[in-house]
Amino acid sequence: MRILFATSNPNKVEEASSVLGKSGHRVEQLLLDGEPPDFDEPKELGLEAVAVAKIQQALGLIRGTRLEGSAIMVEDSGIFLDAFDDWPGAESSDVEREIGLEGVLSMLSDGRQRGAEYRAVAIVSDGFGMWVGTGVCRGRISDEARGDEGFGYDPIFVPDDGDGRTFGEWGEGKSSGITHRAKAMNRLAELLGSPSR
C-alpha cells in the first residue's frame, strides 16, 4: 500500500519507511503544492487527540484532489518525564523550542528522578477505515546531551533496551525497532497486513 505520511520531518518518513517497508508498504511524504500540511493541534487534549485531529484535517485537505482516497498517515509523539505529572507530553516540541534540552536538564539537576518514556500514536486512514498503532520506549534522561543523530530529545534520552548510548548517539541503531515510533509503526504493520493495492 502507498501511504502518504503527513509530516514535515523527513526523519519520521525515513523511520516509517524502514519499518512499514518490511511489510511491503511504501511510505512517502504527503506534500500539497510542494509543502507538507500544517495542522491545528489540540495539544492540551493529549497525543491521541492530536493524532486524530491531524488525520481528520489531512483527509479534509485531500478531499476533492487527485489524492482523495489515498492512505494517509499521521503521527504524534512526545516525551514524558517521571519527575513531572504527564509532562511535557504533547507539548514536547514547544518545551524544547522554549527552554531547549539544557533547560530540561537543569530542571532535573536537583536530584529529581530521571526516568522517562517516549510515547507515539500513529494513525493510517484511507477515509473509510482507521488503524491506530501506539508505542512506548522507556528510558532515562542523561546528565548531558550526547550525539547529534535524530531530533528532539534524542541527545538526552537513554533507552532502557539500549547499550547506554543516547538516541542522539545511535545513528544506525534506531531502526532496530526499540523506538516508540518503530513500535507504533510495527503495530500498524500488524493491523494493515500485507498490501492489497
N, C-alpha and C. Protein backbone atom coordinates (compact mmCIF):
# COMPACT_ATOMS: atom_id res chain seq x y z
N MET A 1 0.85 -1.18 0.00
CA MET A 1 0.00 0.00 0.00
C MET A 1 0.89 1.24 0.00
N ARG A 2 0.51 2.22 -0.80
CA ARG A 2 1.20 3.51 -0.78
C ARG A 2 0.58 4.34 0.34
N ILE A 3 1.44 4.78 1.26
CA ILE A 3 0.98 5.56 2.41
C ILE A 3 1.65 6.92 2.36
N LEU A 4 0.84 7.97 2.41
CA LEU A 4 1.35 9.33 2.40
C LEU A 4 1.41 9.85 3.83
N PHE A 5 2.61 10.10 4.31
CA PHE A 5 2.85 10.49 5.69
C PHE A 5 2.79 12.02 5.77
N ALA A 6 1.81 12.52 6.52
CA ALA A 6 1.63 13.96 6.68
C ALA A 6 2.52 14.46 7.81
N THR A 7 3.74 14.80 7.46
CA THR A 7 4.71 15.30 8.43
C THR A 7 5.69 16.21 7.71
N SER A 8 6.26 17.14 8.44
CA SER A 8 7.31 17.99 7.87
C SER A 8 8.70 17.45 8.21
N ASN A 9 8.74 16.33 8.93
CA ASN A 9 10.00 15.80 9.43
C ASN A 9 10.46 14.61 8.58
N PRO A 10 11.49 14.79 7.75
CA PRO A 10 11.95 13.68 6.90
C PRO A 10 12.50 12.49 7.69
N ASN A 11 12.98 12.74 8.92
CA ASN A 11 13.46 11.64 9.76
C ASN A 11 12.32 10.67 10.09
N LYS A 12 11.13 11.21 10.33
CA LYS A 12 9.97 10.37 10.63
C LYS A 12 9.58 9.55 9.41
N VAL A 13 9.64 10.16 8.23
CA VAL A 13 9.31 9.43 7.00
C VAL A 13 10.29 8.28 6.80
N GLU A 14 11.56 8.54 7.03
CA GLU A 14 12.59 7.52 6.87
C GLU A 14 12.37 6.35 7.84
N GLU A 15 12.05 6.67 9.11
CA GLU A 15 11.83 5.61 10.08
C GLU A 15 10.58 4.80 9.75
N ALA A 16 9.51 5.47 9.34
CA ALA A 16 8.28 4.77 8.96
C ALA A 16 8.53 3.89 7.74
N SER A 17 9.30 4.39 6.78
CA SER A 17 9.61 3.61 5.58
C SER A 17 10.38 2.35 5.92
N SER A 18 11.34 2.48 6.85
CA SER A 18 12.15 1.31 7.19
C SER A 18 11.33 0.24 7.90
N VAL A 19 10.35 0.65 8.69
CA VAL A 19 9.53 -0.32 9.42
C VAL A 19 8.42 -0.88 8.54
N LEU A 20 7.64 -0.01 7.93
CA LEU A 20 6.49 -0.48 7.13
C LEU A 20 6.91 -1.08 5.80
N GLY A 21 8.09 -0.69 5.31
CA GLY A 21 8.60 -1.26 4.07
C GLY A 21 8.83 -2.75 4.17
N LYS A 22 9.15 -3.24 5.36
CA LYS A 22 9.36 -4.68 5.57
C LYS A 22 8.08 -5.47 5.31
N SER A 23 6.92 -4.81 5.45
CA SER A 23 5.64 -5.47 5.21
C SER A 23 5.12 -5.20 3.79
N GLY A 24 5.93 -4.52 2.98
CA GLY A 24 5.55 -4.27 1.61
C GLY A 24 4.82 -2.96 1.37
N HIS A 25 4.76 -2.11 2.38
CA HIS A 25 4.11 -0.81 2.23
C HIS A 25 5.14 0.23 1.82
N ARG A 26 4.72 1.19 1.02
CA ARG A 26 5.61 2.26 0.55
C ARG A 26 5.17 3.55 1.21
N VAL A 27 6.06 4.16 1.96
CA VAL A 27 5.75 5.40 2.68
C VAL A 27 6.43 6.57 1.99
N GLU A 28 5.63 7.60 1.69
CA GLU A 28 6.15 8.82 1.08
C GLU A 28 5.62 10.00 1.89
N GLN A 29 6.30 11.10 1.78
CA GLN A 29 5.85 12.31 2.47
C GLN A 29 4.66 12.91 1.72
N LEU A 30 3.62 13.30 2.45
CA LEU A 30 2.48 14.00 1.86
C LEU A 30 2.86 15.46 1.64
N LEU A 31 2.81 15.87 0.40
CA LEU A 31 3.08 17.26 0.04
C LEU A 31 1.89 17.81 -0.72
N LEU A 32 1.44 18.99 -0.35
CA LEU A 32 0.36 19.69 -1.03
C LEU A 32 0.93 20.98 -1.59
N ASP A 33 0.90 21.12 -2.90
CA ASP A 33 1.55 22.26 -3.57
C ASP A 33 3.02 22.35 -3.17
N GLY A 34 3.65 21.18 -3.05
CA GLY A 34 5.08 21.11 -2.74
C GLY A 34 5.45 21.30 -1.29
N GLU A 35 4.46 21.47 -0.42
CA GLU A 35 4.73 21.71 1.00
C GLU A 35 4.01 20.69 1.87
N PRO A 36 4.61 20.33 3.03
CA PRO A 36 3.88 19.48 3.97
C PRO A 36 2.72 20.26 4.59
N PRO A 37 1.62 19.59 4.91
CA PRO A 37 0.49 20.31 5.51
C PRO A 37 0.82 20.81 6.91
N ASP A 38 0.14 21.87 7.29
CA ASP A 38 0.28 22.44 8.63
C ASP A 38 -1.04 22.19 9.36
N PHE A 39 -0.97 21.74 10.61
CA PHE A 39 -2.17 21.35 11.33
C PHE A 39 -2.40 22.19 12.58
N ASP A 40 -3.67 22.32 12.94
CA ASP A 40 -4.03 22.82 14.27
C ASP A 40 -4.01 21.61 15.19
N GLU A 41 -3.29 21.72 16.30
CA GLU A 41 -3.12 20.58 17.20
C GLU A 41 -3.67 20.91 18.58
N PRO A 42 -4.72 20.19 19.03
CA PRO A 42 -5.26 20.41 20.38
C PRO A 42 -4.36 19.75 21.44
N LYS A 43 -3.17 20.31 21.64
CA LYS A 43 -2.15 19.67 22.48
C LYS A 43 -2.61 19.43 23.91
N GLU A 44 -3.50 20.29 24.38
CA GLU A 44 -3.97 20.14 25.76
C GLU A 44 -4.77 18.86 25.96
N LEU A 45 -5.20 18.23 24.87
CA LEU A 45 -6.02 17.01 24.96
C LEU A 45 -5.19 15.73 24.92
N GLY A 46 -3.90 15.84 24.65
CA GLY A 46 -3.03 14.67 24.66
C GLY A 46 -2.67 14.16 23.27
N LEU A 47 -1.73 13.18 23.24
CA LEU A 47 -1.18 12.68 21.99
C LEU A 47 -2.23 12.10 21.05
N GLU A 48 -3.08 11.23 21.57
CA GLU A 48 -4.04 10.57 20.68
C GLU A 48 -5.02 11.57 20.08
N ALA A 49 -5.48 12.53 20.88
CA ALA A 49 -6.39 13.55 20.36
C ALA A 49 -5.71 14.39 19.28
N VAL A 50 -4.42 14.68 19.46
CA VAL A 50 -3.69 15.42 18.44
C VAL A 50 -3.61 14.61 17.15
N ALA A 51 -3.29 13.31 17.28
CA ALA A 51 -3.18 12.46 16.09
C ALA A 51 -4.52 12.35 15.36
N VAL A 52 -5.60 12.19 16.11
CA VAL A 52 -6.93 12.09 15.48
C VAL A 52 -7.27 13.41 14.77
N ALA A 53 -6.98 14.53 15.42
CA ALA A 53 -7.24 15.84 14.80
C ALA A 53 -6.43 15.99 13.52
N LYS A 54 -5.17 15.54 13.54
CA LYS A 54 -4.33 15.66 12.36
C LYS A 54 -4.82 14.79 11.21
N ILE A 55 -5.27 13.56 11.51
CA ILE A 55 -5.75 12.69 10.42
C ILE A 55 -7.02 13.26 9.81
N GLN A 56 -7.90 13.79 10.65
CA GLN A 56 -9.13 14.39 10.13
C GLN A 56 -8.83 15.59 9.24
N GLN A 57 -7.89 16.42 9.68
CA GLN A 57 -7.50 17.58 8.87
C GLN A 57 -6.84 17.16 7.56
N ALA A 58 -5.95 16.14 7.62
CA ALA A 58 -5.27 15.68 6.41
C ALA A 58 -6.26 15.13 5.40
N LEU A 59 -7.22 14.34 5.87
CA LEU A 59 -8.24 13.80 4.96
C LEU A 59 -9.06 14.93 4.35
N GLY A 60 -9.35 15.95 5.12
CA GLY A 60 -10.08 17.10 4.60
C GLY A 60 -9.29 17.86 3.55
N LEU A 61 -7.97 17.95 3.75
CA LEU A 61 -7.12 18.68 2.81
C LEU A 61 -7.02 17.99 1.44
N ILE A 62 -7.12 16.65 1.42
CA ILE A 62 -7.00 15.95 0.13
C ILE A 62 -8.36 15.70 -0.52
N ARG A 63 -9.46 16.00 0.20
CA ARG A 63 -10.79 15.80 -0.37
C ARG A 63 -10.94 16.65 -1.62
N GLY A 64 -11.38 16.02 -2.71
CA GLY A 64 -11.58 16.73 -3.96
C GLY A 64 -10.32 16.91 -4.79
N THR A 65 -9.19 16.36 -4.32
CA THR A 65 -7.95 16.43 -5.10
C THR A 65 -7.66 15.05 -5.69
N ARG A 66 -6.61 14.97 -6.49
CA ARG A 66 -6.22 13.69 -7.08
C ARG A 66 -5.77 12.69 -6.01
N LEU A 67 -5.47 13.18 -4.80
CA LEU A 67 -5.02 12.31 -3.72
C LEU A 67 -6.17 11.72 -2.90
N GLU A 68 -7.40 12.17 -3.15
CA GLU A 68 -8.54 11.66 -2.38
C GLU A 68 -8.60 10.14 -2.52
N GLY A 69 -8.81 9.46 -1.41
CA GLY A 69 -8.82 8.00 -1.40
C GLY A 69 -7.47 7.39 -1.08
N SER A 70 -6.42 8.21 -1.05
CA SER A 70 -5.09 7.71 -0.68
C SER A 70 -5.05 7.37 0.81
N ALA A 71 -4.18 6.43 1.15
CA ALA A 71 -3.94 6.14 2.56
C ALA A 71 -3.04 7.24 3.12
N ILE A 72 -3.47 7.85 4.21
CA ILE A 72 -2.74 8.94 4.84
C ILE A 72 -2.27 8.47 6.22
N MET A 73 -1.08 8.87 6.59
CA MET A 73 -0.56 8.57 7.92
C MET A 73 -0.24 9.86 8.64
N VAL A 74 -0.55 9.89 9.93
CA VAL A 74 -0.08 10.95 10.82
C VAL A 74 0.51 10.29 12.05
N GLU A 75 1.31 11.04 12.75
CA GLU A 75 1.92 10.52 13.98
C GLU A 75 2.12 11.68 14.93
N ASP A 76 1.91 11.42 16.19
CA ASP A 76 2.25 12.40 17.19
C ASP A 76 2.98 11.68 18.30
N SER A 77 3.99 12.31 18.82
CA SER A 77 4.77 11.68 19.88
C SER A 77 5.25 12.74 20.85
N GLY A 78 5.67 12.27 21.99
CA GLY A 78 6.18 13.17 23.00
C GLY A 78 6.97 12.40 24.03
N ILE A 79 7.70 13.15 24.82
CA ILE A 79 8.44 12.54 25.92
C ILE A 79 7.73 12.90 27.21
N PHE A 80 7.72 11.95 28.13
CA PHE A 80 7.05 12.12 29.41
C PHE A 80 8.10 11.87 30.50
N LEU A 81 8.32 12.87 31.34
CA LEU A 81 9.32 12.79 32.39
C LEU A 81 8.67 12.34 33.69
N ASP A 82 9.21 11.30 34.31
CA ASP A 82 8.64 10.77 35.55
C ASP A 82 8.59 11.82 36.66
N ALA A 83 9.51 12.78 36.63
CA ALA A 83 9.59 13.79 37.69
C ALA A 83 8.42 14.76 37.66
N PHE A 84 7.67 14.76 36.56
CA PHE A 84 6.55 15.69 36.41
C PHE A 84 5.31 14.91 35.97
N ASP A 85 4.16 15.44 36.30
CA ASP A 85 2.91 14.75 36.01
C ASP A 85 2.51 14.91 34.54
N ASP A 86 2.74 13.84 33.75
CA ASP A 86 2.32 13.81 32.35
C ASP A 86 2.88 14.97 31.53
N TRP A 87 4.13 15.34 31.78
CA TRP A 87 4.73 16.49 31.13
C TRP A 87 6.09 16.14 30.56
N PRO A 88 6.52 16.70 29.44
CA PRO A 88 5.80 17.66 28.61
C PRO A 88 4.78 17.05 27.65
N GLY A 89 4.86 15.73 27.39
CA GLY A 89 3.83 15.07 26.59
C GLY A 89 3.61 15.70 25.24
N ALA A 90 2.35 16.01 24.93
CA ALA A 90 2.00 16.57 23.62
C ALA A 90 2.64 17.94 23.39
N GLU A 91 3.15 18.55 24.45
CA GLU A 91 3.78 19.87 24.32
C GLU A 91 5.31 19.76 24.20
N SER A 92 5.82 18.55 23.95
CA SER A 92 7.26 18.32 23.93
C SER A 92 8.01 19.25 22.99
N SER A 93 7.51 19.40 21.76
CA SER A 93 8.24 20.25 20.81
C SER A 93 8.22 21.72 21.24
N ASP A 94 7.10 22.15 21.84
CA ASP A 94 7.03 23.54 22.33
C ASP A 94 8.02 23.77 23.47
N VAL A 95 8.10 22.79 24.38
CA VAL A 95 9.02 22.91 25.53
C VAL A 95 10.46 22.92 25.03
N GLU A 96 10.77 22.05 24.08
CA GLU A 96 12.14 22.03 23.55
C GLU A 96 12.48 23.37 22.90
N ARG A 97 11.55 23.91 22.16
CA ARG A 97 11.78 25.20 21.48
C ARG A 97 11.95 26.33 22.50
N GLU A 98 11.17 26.29 23.58
CA GLU A 98 11.18 27.39 24.55
C GLU A 98 12.36 27.35 25.52
N ILE A 99 12.68 26.17 26.05
CA ILE A 99 13.76 26.11 27.04
C ILE A 99 14.95 25.27 26.59
N GLY A 100 14.80 24.53 25.50
CA GLY A 100 15.90 23.72 24.98
C GLY A 100 16.21 22.52 25.86
N LEU A 101 17.09 21.68 25.35
CA LEU A 101 17.48 20.48 26.11
C LEU A 101 18.22 20.86 27.39
N GLU A 102 19.01 21.93 27.33
CA GLU A 102 19.73 22.38 28.53
C GLU A 102 18.74 22.80 29.62
N GLY A 103 17.64 23.42 29.22
CA GLY A 103 16.61 23.80 30.18
C GLY A 103 15.98 22.59 30.85
N VAL A 104 15.73 21.55 30.05
CA VAL A 104 15.16 20.32 30.61
C VAL A 104 16.16 19.68 31.56
N LEU A 105 17.43 19.61 31.16
CA LEU A 105 18.46 19.03 32.03
C LEU A 105 18.57 19.80 33.34
N SER A 106 18.48 21.12 33.28
CA SER A 106 18.60 21.91 34.51
C SER A 106 17.41 21.68 35.43
N MET A 107 16.24 21.40 34.87
CA MET A 107 15.06 21.11 35.70
C MET A 107 15.22 19.81 36.48
N LEU A 108 16.08 18.93 35.99
CA LEU A 108 16.29 17.64 36.66
C LEU A 108 17.57 17.61 37.49
N SER A 109 18.30 18.73 37.54
CA SER A 109 19.61 18.74 38.18
C SER A 109 19.56 18.74 39.70
N ASP A 110 18.37 18.92 40.27
CA ASP A 110 18.28 18.97 41.73
C ASP A 110 18.00 17.60 42.35
N GLY A 111 18.37 16.54 41.66
CA GLY A 111 18.19 15.20 42.20
C GLY A 111 16.85 14.58 41.89
N ARG A 112 16.04 15.22 41.07
CA ARG A 112 14.76 14.63 40.68
C ARG A 112 14.99 13.32 39.93
N GLN A 113 13.98 12.46 39.97
CA GLN A 113 14.12 11.19 39.25
C GLN A 113 14.27 11.47 37.75
N ARG A 114 15.05 10.63 37.08
CA ARG A 114 15.41 10.86 35.68
C ARG A 114 14.72 9.88 34.74
N GLY A 115 13.82 9.05 35.27
CA GLY A 115 13.08 8.14 34.41
C GLY A 115 12.22 8.91 33.42
N ALA A 116 12.05 8.32 32.23
CA ALA A 116 11.27 8.99 31.19
C ALA A 116 10.80 7.95 30.20
N GLU A 117 9.83 8.35 29.39
CA GLU A 117 9.44 7.49 28.28
C GLU A 117 8.97 8.33 27.11
N TYR A 118 9.34 7.86 25.96
CA TYR A 118 8.79 8.39 24.72
C TYR A 118 7.50 7.62 24.44
N ARG A 119 6.46 8.32 23.99
CA ARG A 119 5.22 7.66 23.55
C ARG A 119 4.88 8.16 22.16
N ALA A 120 4.32 7.28 21.34
CA ALA A 120 3.91 7.64 19.99
C ALA A 120 2.54 7.08 19.68
N VAL A 121 1.77 7.83 18.91
CA VAL A 121 0.50 7.38 18.37
C VAL A 121 0.57 7.62 16.87
N ALA A 122 0.40 6.56 16.08
CA ALA A 122 0.42 6.67 14.62
C ALA A 122 -0.92 6.17 14.08
N ILE A 123 -1.46 6.90 13.13
CA ILE A 123 -2.76 6.55 12.56
C ILE A 123 -2.63 6.52 11.04
N VAL A 124 -3.24 5.49 10.43
CA VAL A 124 -3.39 5.43 8.98
C VAL A 124 -4.88 5.38 8.70
N SER A 125 -5.30 6.17 7.70
CA SER A 125 -6.70 6.15 7.28
C SER A 125 -6.78 6.37 5.78
N ASP A 126 -7.73 5.67 5.15
CA ASP A 126 -7.99 5.88 3.73
C ASP A 126 -9.32 6.62 3.54
N GLY A 127 -9.85 7.16 4.65
CA GLY A 127 -11.12 7.86 4.60
C GLY A 127 -12.30 6.97 4.94
N PHE A 128 -12.05 5.66 4.95
CA PHE A 128 -13.10 4.69 5.30
C PHE A 128 -12.73 3.96 6.59
N GLY A 129 -11.55 3.35 6.59
CA GLY A 129 -11.07 2.68 7.79
C GLY A 129 -10.01 3.52 8.48
N MET A 130 -9.78 3.21 9.75
CA MET A 130 -8.74 3.90 10.51
C MET A 130 -8.01 2.87 11.36
N TRP A 131 -6.69 2.88 11.26
CA TRP A 131 -5.86 1.95 12.01
C TRP A 131 -4.94 2.76 12.92
N VAL A 132 -4.88 2.37 14.20
CA VAL A 132 -4.12 3.12 15.20
C VAL A 132 -3.08 2.22 15.83
N GLY A 133 -1.84 2.66 15.81
CA GLY A 133 -0.76 1.96 16.47
C GLY A 133 -0.13 2.85 17.53
N THR A 134 0.18 2.29 18.68
CA THR A 134 0.84 3.05 19.73
C THR A 134 2.14 2.36 20.11
N GLY A 135 3.06 3.14 20.64
CA GLY A 135 4.33 2.58 21.07
C GLY A 135 4.92 3.37 22.22
N VAL A 136 5.61 2.68 23.10
CA VAL A 136 6.27 3.30 24.26
C VAL A 136 7.70 2.80 24.31
N CYS A 137 8.62 3.70 24.58
CA CYS A 137 10.02 3.35 24.80
C CYS A 137 10.45 3.94 26.14
N ARG A 138 10.71 3.06 27.11
CA ARG A 138 11.15 3.51 28.44
C ARG A 138 12.64 3.79 28.42
N GLY A 139 13.03 4.73 29.27
CA GLY A 139 14.44 5.05 29.39
C GLY A 139 14.66 6.05 30.51
N ARG A 140 15.73 6.80 30.37
CA ARG A 140 16.05 7.81 31.37
C ARG A 140 16.71 8.99 30.68
N ILE A 141 16.71 10.11 31.37
CA ILE A 141 17.34 11.32 30.85
C ILE A 141 18.80 11.33 31.30
N SER A 142 19.70 11.53 30.35
CA SER A 142 21.13 11.55 30.66
C SER A 142 21.49 12.82 31.43
N ASP A 143 22.74 12.86 31.91
CA ASP A 143 23.21 14.05 32.63
C ASP A 143 23.59 15.19 31.69
N GLU A 144 23.85 14.85 30.44
CA GLU A 144 24.23 15.86 29.45
C GLU A 144 23.80 15.39 28.07
N ALA A 145 23.68 16.32 27.14
CA ALA A 145 23.35 15.98 25.76
C ALA A 145 24.55 15.31 25.12
N ARG A 146 24.26 14.20 24.40
CA ARG A 146 25.32 13.46 23.72
C ARG A 146 24.83 13.00 22.36
N GLY A 147 25.60 13.31 21.33
CA GLY A 147 25.30 12.85 19.98
C GLY A 147 24.46 13.86 19.20
N ASP A 148 24.56 13.76 17.89
CA ASP A 148 23.82 14.69 17.04
C ASP A 148 22.96 13.98 16.01
N GLU A 149 22.67 12.71 16.24
CA GLU A 149 21.76 11.96 15.38
C GLU A 149 20.33 12.19 15.88
N GLY A 150 19.36 11.94 15.03
CA GLY A 150 17.98 12.06 15.45
C GLY A 150 17.55 13.50 15.60
N PHE A 151 16.55 13.71 16.45
CA PHE A 151 15.99 15.05 16.62
C PHE A 151 15.28 15.10 17.95
N GLY A 152 14.80 16.26 18.31
CA GLY A 152 14.06 16.40 19.56
C GLY A 152 14.93 16.08 20.76
N TYR A 153 14.41 15.23 21.61
CA TYR A 153 15.06 14.90 22.87
C TYR A 153 16.07 13.75 22.74
N ASP A 154 16.30 13.28 21.52
CA ASP A 154 17.19 12.13 21.31
C ASP A 154 18.56 12.27 21.97
N PRO A 155 19.21 13.46 21.96
CA PRO A 155 20.53 13.56 22.58
C PRO A 155 20.54 13.41 24.10
N ILE A 156 19.37 13.46 24.76
CA ILE A 156 19.36 13.30 26.22
C ILE A 156 18.57 12.08 26.67
N PHE A 157 18.08 11.26 25.73
CA PHE A 157 17.27 10.09 26.09
C PHE A 157 18.07 8.82 25.92
N VAL A 158 18.23 8.06 27.01
CA VAL A 158 18.94 6.78 27.00
C VAL A 158 17.90 5.68 27.15
N PRO A 159 17.66 4.88 26.11
CA PRO A 159 16.63 3.84 26.19
C PRO A 159 17.05 2.69 27.10
N ASP A 160 16.09 2.15 27.86
CA ASP A 160 16.38 1.01 28.72
C ASP A 160 16.86 -0.20 27.92
N ASP A 161 16.32 -0.37 26.71
CA ASP A 161 16.68 -1.54 25.90
C ASP A 161 17.92 -1.31 25.05
N GLY A 162 18.65 -0.23 25.31
CA GLY A 162 19.83 0.07 24.52
C GLY A 162 21.11 -0.39 25.20
N ASP A 163 22.20 0.26 24.82
CA ASP A 163 23.52 -0.12 25.32
C ASP A 163 24.18 1.02 26.10
N GLY A 164 23.36 1.97 26.58
CA GLY A 164 23.89 3.07 27.36
C GLY A 164 24.08 4.35 26.57
N ARG A 165 23.97 4.27 25.25
CA ARG A 165 24.06 5.47 24.43
C ARG A 165 22.71 6.18 24.40
N THR A 166 22.76 7.48 24.16
CA THR A 166 21.51 8.22 23.92
C THR A 166 21.07 7.91 22.49
N PHE A 167 19.79 8.19 22.20
CA PHE A 167 19.34 8.04 20.82
C PHE A 167 20.11 8.99 19.90
N GLY A 168 20.60 10.08 20.45
CA GLY A 168 21.40 11.01 19.66
C GLY A 168 22.74 10.43 19.22
N GLU A 169 23.18 9.35 19.87
CA GLU A 169 24.44 8.69 19.52
C GLU A 169 24.20 7.45 18.67
N TRP A 170 22.94 7.18 18.31
CA TRP A 170 22.56 5.91 17.71
C TRP A 170 22.29 5.97 16.23
N GLY A 171 22.99 6.62 15.41
CA GLY A 171 22.63 6.71 14.01
C GLY A 171 22.08 5.44 13.41
N GLU A 172 22.79 4.34 13.60
CA GLU A 172 22.41 3.09 12.94
C GLU A 172 21.42 2.26 13.74
N GLY A 173 21.30 2.49 15.03
CA GLY A 173 20.56 1.56 15.87
C GLY A 173 19.08 1.80 15.99
N LYS A 174 18.61 2.97 15.60
CA LYS A 174 17.20 3.28 15.85
C LYS A 174 16.25 2.50 14.96
N SER A 175 16.75 1.90 13.89
CA SER A 175 15.87 1.09 13.04
C SER A 175 15.69 -0.31 13.62
N SER A 176 16.27 -0.56 14.80
CA SER A 176 16.17 -1.89 15.41
C SER A 176 14.78 -2.20 15.94
N GLY A 177 13.92 -1.20 16.01
CA GLY A 177 12.56 -1.46 16.45
C GLY A 177 12.29 -1.12 17.90
N ILE A 178 13.27 -0.55 18.62
CA ILE A 178 13.02 -0.28 20.03
C ILE A 178 12.45 1.11 20.27
N THR A 179 12.44 1.97 19.26
CA THR A 179 11.91 3.31 19.48
C THR A 179 10.40 3.28 19.62
N HIS A 180 9.86 4.30 20.26
CA HIS A 180 8.42 4.43 20.41
C HIS A 180 7.74 4.48 19.05
N ARG A 181 8.34 5.20 18.11
CA ARG A 181 7.75 5.33 16.77
C ARG A 181 7.80 4.00 16.03
N ALA A 182 8.94 3.28 16.13
CA ALA A 182 9.04 1.97 15.47
C ALA A 182 8.01 1.00 16.04
N LYS A 183 7.80 1.05 17.35
CA LYS A 183 6.80 0.16 17.96
C LYS A 183 5.40 0.51 17.46
N ALA A 184 5.09 1.80 17.35
CA ALA A 184 3.78 2.20 16.81
C ALA A 184 3.65 1.77 15.36
N MET A 185 4.72 1.93 14.58
CA MET A 185 4.68 1.54 13.16
C MET A 185 4.58 0.02 13.01
N ASN A 186 5.27 -0.72 13.86
CA ASN A 186 5.16 -2.18 13.82
C ASN A 186 3.73 -2.62 14.13
N ARG A 187 3.10 -1.95 15.08
CA ARG A 187 1.70 -2.27 15.37
C ARG A 187 0.82 -1.96 14.18
N LEU A 188 1.07 -0.84 13.51
CA LEU A 188 0.32 -0.51 12.31
C LEU A 188 0.53 -1.57 11.23
N ALA A 189 1.78 -2.03 11.06
CA ALA A 189 2.06 -3.06 10.06
C ALA A 189 1.24 -4.32 10.36
N GLU A 190 1.14 -4.69 11.63
CA GLU A 190 0.32 -5.85 12.01
C GLU A 190 -1.14 -5.63 11.64
N LEU A 191 -1.65 -4.44 11.95
CA LEU A 191 -3.05 -4.14 11.69
C LEU A 191 -3.36 -4.06 10.20
N LEU A 192 -2.43 -3.49 9.42
CA LEU A 192 -2.65 -3.31 7.99
C LEU A 192 -2.44 -4.61 7.21
N GLY A 193 -1.59 -5.50 7.71
CA GLY A 193 -1.28 -6.72 6.99
C GLY A 193 -0.50 -6.42 5.71
N SER A 194 -0.49 -7.39 4.81
CA SER A 194 0.20 -7.20 3.54
C SER A 194 -0.62 -6.28 2.64
N PRO A 195 0.04 -5.46 1.84
CA PRO A 195 -0.71 -4.53 0.99
C PRO A 195 -1.55 -5.24 -0.04
N SER A 196 -2.74 -4.70 -0.28
CA SER A 196 -3.64 -5.28 -1.27
C SER A 196 -3.77 -4.36 -2.46
N ARG A 197 -3.12 -3.17 -2.38
CA ARG A 197 -3.16 -2.25 -3.53
C ARG A 197 -1.87 -1.49 -3.63
